[in-house]
N, C-alpha and C. Protein backbone atom coordinates (compact mmCIF):
# COMPACT_ATOMS: atom_id res chain seq x y z
N MET A 1 0.88 -1.07 0.14
CA MET A 1 0.11 0.14 0.01
C MET A 1 0.89 1.06 -0.20
N LYS A 2 0.49 2.16 -0.68
CA LYS A 2 1.28 3.43 -1.05
C LYS A 2 0.37 4.44 -0.25
N ASP A 3 1.13 5.45 0.73
CA ASP A 3 -0.08 6.46 1.45
C ASP A 3 1.01 7.66 1.61
N THR A 4 0.47 8.79 2.13
CA THR A 4 1.11 9.86 2.44
C THR A 4 0.92 10.11 4.06
N ILE A 5 2.00 10.20 4.90
CA ILE A 5 1.71 10.56 6.15
C ILE A 5 2.60 11.84 6.72
N PHE A 6 2.26 12.34 7.94
CA PHE A 6 2.94 13.50 8.29
C PHE A 6 3.51 13.07 9.66
N LEU A 7 4.77 13.50 9.67
CA LEU A 7 5.52 12.95 10.91
C LEU A 7 5.81 14.37 11.10
N PHE A 8 5.81 14.98 12.60
CA PHE A 8 6.30 15.98 13.22
C PHE A 8 7.45 15.95 13.84
N PHE A 9 8.40 16.85 13.75
CA PHE A 9 9.68 16.83 14.88
C PHE A 9 10.01 17.85 15.53
N LYS A 10 10.50 18.06 16.69
CA LYS A 10 10.94 18.92 17.81
C LYS A 10 12.32 19.17 17.53
N VAL A 11 12.74 20.37 17.12
CA VAL A 11 14.06 20.54 16.61
C VAL A 11 14.46 21.89 17.70
N VAL A 12 15.39 21.76 18.79
CA VAL A 12 15.62 22.55 19.52
C VAL A 12 16.91 23.44 19.04
N ILE A 13 16.97 24.60 18.88
CA ILE A 13 18.13 25.14 17.91
C ILE A 13 18.75 26.39 18.98
N GLN A 14 19.85 26.65 18.61
CA GLN A 14 20.38 27.88 18.93
C GLN A 14 21.00 28.39 17.74
N THR A 15 20.96 29.94 17.69
CA THR A 15 21.25 30.35 16.58
C THR A 15 22.03 31.88 16.61
N SER A 16 22.74 32.11 15.52
CA SER A 16 23.34 33.58 15.54
C SER A 16 22.38 34.35 14.80
N HIS A 17 21.29 34.13 14.02
CA HIS A 17 20.24 34.70 13.80
C HIS A 17 19.69 35.70 14.74
N THR A 18 19.06 37.06 14.64
CA THR A 18 18.65 37.80 15.72
C THR A 18 17.00 37.95 15.19
N ALA A 19 16.50 37.04 14.02
CA ALA A 19 15.18 36.75 13.89
C ALA A 19 14.82 35.31 13.66
N ILE A 20 13.97 34.80 14.20
CA ILE A 20 13.44 33.30 14.31
C ILE A 20 13.13 32.78 12.87
N ARG A 21 12.65 33.84 12.22
CA ARG A 21 12.20 33.47 10.88
C ARG A 21 13.36 33.08 9.69
N ASP A 22 14.71 33.73 10.13
CA ASP A 22 15.62 33.86 9.28
C ASP A 22 16.10 32.17 9.86
N ALA A 23 16.18 31.80 10.76
CA ALA A 23 16.65 30.61 11.18
C ALA A 23 15.79 29.48 10.83
N VAL A 24 14.60 29.74 10.68
CA VAL A 24 13.56 28.89 10.16
C VAL A 24 13.71 28.45 8.64
N LYS A 25 13.75 29.92 8.08
CA LYS A 25 14.26 29.90 6.75
C LYS A 25 15.52 29.06 6.23
N GLU A 26 16.44 29.13 6.83
CA GLU A 26 17.81 28.27 6.69
C GLU A 26 17.51 27.19 6.68
N LEU A 27 16.86 26.69 7.93
CA LEU A 27 16.90 25.08 8.15
C LEU A 27 15.86 24.59 7.00
N GLU A 28 14.68 25.37 6.34
CA GLU A 28 13.82 24.65 5.59
C GLU A 28 14.78 24.78 4.59
N THR A 29 15.77 25.71 4.12
CA THR A 29 16.38 25.49 2.61
C THR A 29 17.92 24.69 2.53
N GLU A 30 18.36 24.72 3.97
CA GLU A 30 19.73 24.42 3.84
C GLU A 30 19.96 22.83 4.78
N ALA A 31 19.33 22.64 5.77
CA ALA A 31 19.29 21.55 6.54
C ALA A 31 19.46 20.04 5.62
N THR A 32 20.37 19.18 6.26
CA THR A 32 20.50 17.85 5.50
C THR A 32 19.39 17.07 6.73
N TYR A 33 18.68 15.92 6.08
CA TYR A 33 18.09 15.22 7.12
C TYR A 33 17.99 13.86 6.43
N PHE A 34 17.55 12.65 7.18
CA PHE A 34 17.24 11.53 6.67
C PHE A 34 16.49 10.44 7.38
N ILE A 35 15.67 10.27 6.78
CA ILE A 35 14.38 8.97 6.98
C ILE A 35 14.53 7.77 6.44
N GLY A 36 15.07 6.95 7.25
CA GLY A 36 15.41 5.65 6.11
C GLY A 36 14.31 4.59 6.26
N ASN A 37 14.55 3.77 5.61
CA ASN A 37 13.57 2.24 5.58
C ASN A 37 13.72 1.80 6.72
N THR A 38 12.32 1.05 7.09
CA THR A 38 12.42 0.03 8.16
C THR A 38 12.06 -1.39 7.38
N LYS A 39 11.96 -2.29 8.23
CA LYS A 39 11.60 -3.97 7.55
C LYS A 39 10.51 -3.90 6.98
N ASN A 40 9.42 -3.16 7.08
CA ASN A 40 8.27 -3.22 6.45
C ASN A 40 7.71 -1.72 5.90
N VAL A 41 8.69 -0.93 5.72
CA VAL A 41 8.00 0.37 5.36
C VAL A 41 9.20 1.12 4.43
N GLN A 42 9.12 1.36 3.28
CA GLN A 42 10.03 1.80 2.19
C GLN A 42 9.70 3.17 2.13
N VAL A 43 10.27 4.17 2.63
CA VAL A 43 10.36 5.56 2.47
C VAL A 43 10.79 5.76 0.86
N LEU A 44 9.49 6.53 0.13
CA LEU A 44 10.04 6.68 -0.91
C LEU A 44 10.34 8.45 -1.54
N GLU A 45 10.04 9.12 -0.72
CA GLU A 45 9.97 10.58 -0.73
C GLU A 45 9.78 11.13 0.39
N THR A 46 10.73 12.18 0.78
CA THR A 46 10.41 13.32 1.54
C THR A 46 10.70 14.67 1.44
N GLU A 47 9.87 15.69 2.48
CA GLU A 47 10.17 16.82 2.05
C GLU A 47 10.11 17.88 3.06
N ILE A 48 10.68 19.08 3.65
CA ILE A 48 10.49 19.71 4.51
C ILE A 48 9.08 20.75 4.44
N ILE A 49 8.24 20.59 4.96
CA ILE A 49 6.88 21.77 4.45
C ILE A 49 7.27 22.92 5.15
N LYS A 50 7.33 23.67 4.34
CA LYS A 50 7.64 25.22 4.50
C LYS A 50 6.49 26.00 5.26
N LEU A 51 6.90 26.74 6.43
CA LEU A 51 6.20 27.27 7.47
C LEU A 51 5.95 28.58 6.90
N ASN A 52 4.77 29.20 7.19
CA ASN A 52 4.37 30.78 6.93
C ASN A 52 5.06 31.33 8.11
N THR A 53 6.51 31.94 8.07
CA THR A 53 7.14 32.52 8.94
C THR A 53 6.86 34.24 8.95
N ASP A 54 5.83 34.57 8.16
CA ASP A 54 5.64 36.14 7.88
C ASP A 54 5.03 36.61 9.22
N HIS A 55 4.07 36.08 10.03
CA HIS A 55 3.73 36.34 11.26
C HIS A 55 4.84 36.65 12.56
N LEU A 56 6.21 36.00 12.42
CA LEU A 56 7.06 35.99 13.33
C LEU A 56 7.57 37.76 13.07
N GLY A 57 7.95 38.14 14.07
CA GLY A 57 8.96 39.36 14.26
C GLY A 57 10.16 39.20 14.05
N ASP A 58 10.73 40.27 13.56
CA ASP A 58 12.24 40.87 13.48
C ASP A 58 12.71 40.91 14.71
N GLY A 59 12.21 40.88 16.05
CA GLY A 59 12.86 40.85 17.18
C GLY A 59 13.87 40.06 17.78
N GLU A 60 14.05 40.23 18.54
CA GLU A 60 15.32 39.37 19.29
C GLU A 60 14.84 38.21 19.63
N LEU A 61 15.79 36.72 19.68
CA LEU A 61 15.18 35.70 20.06
C LEU A 61 15.08 35.95 21.93
N ASN A 62 14.18 34.99 22.34
CA ASN A 62 14.41 35.00 23.79
C ASN A 62 15.11 33.57 24.61
C-alpha cells in the first residue's frame, strides 16, 4: 500500500540569527535530514513542509 503520512519533529536550536524566521528559513532550505526504511516500510520521498513565518517578528530571540 502506498500512502502519505505526516511526521512532526521537535527541533531545539541555538542560532546567531536575530530573527527566528531567518533561522527557520535557513533550516528549511539548507538542512540535511534522513528518514530511512524499516523492515516493513520503504520511504519513497520526503520533504520539509515550509512554514508561513511572515507573522514572526524581526525582534530578538528569547
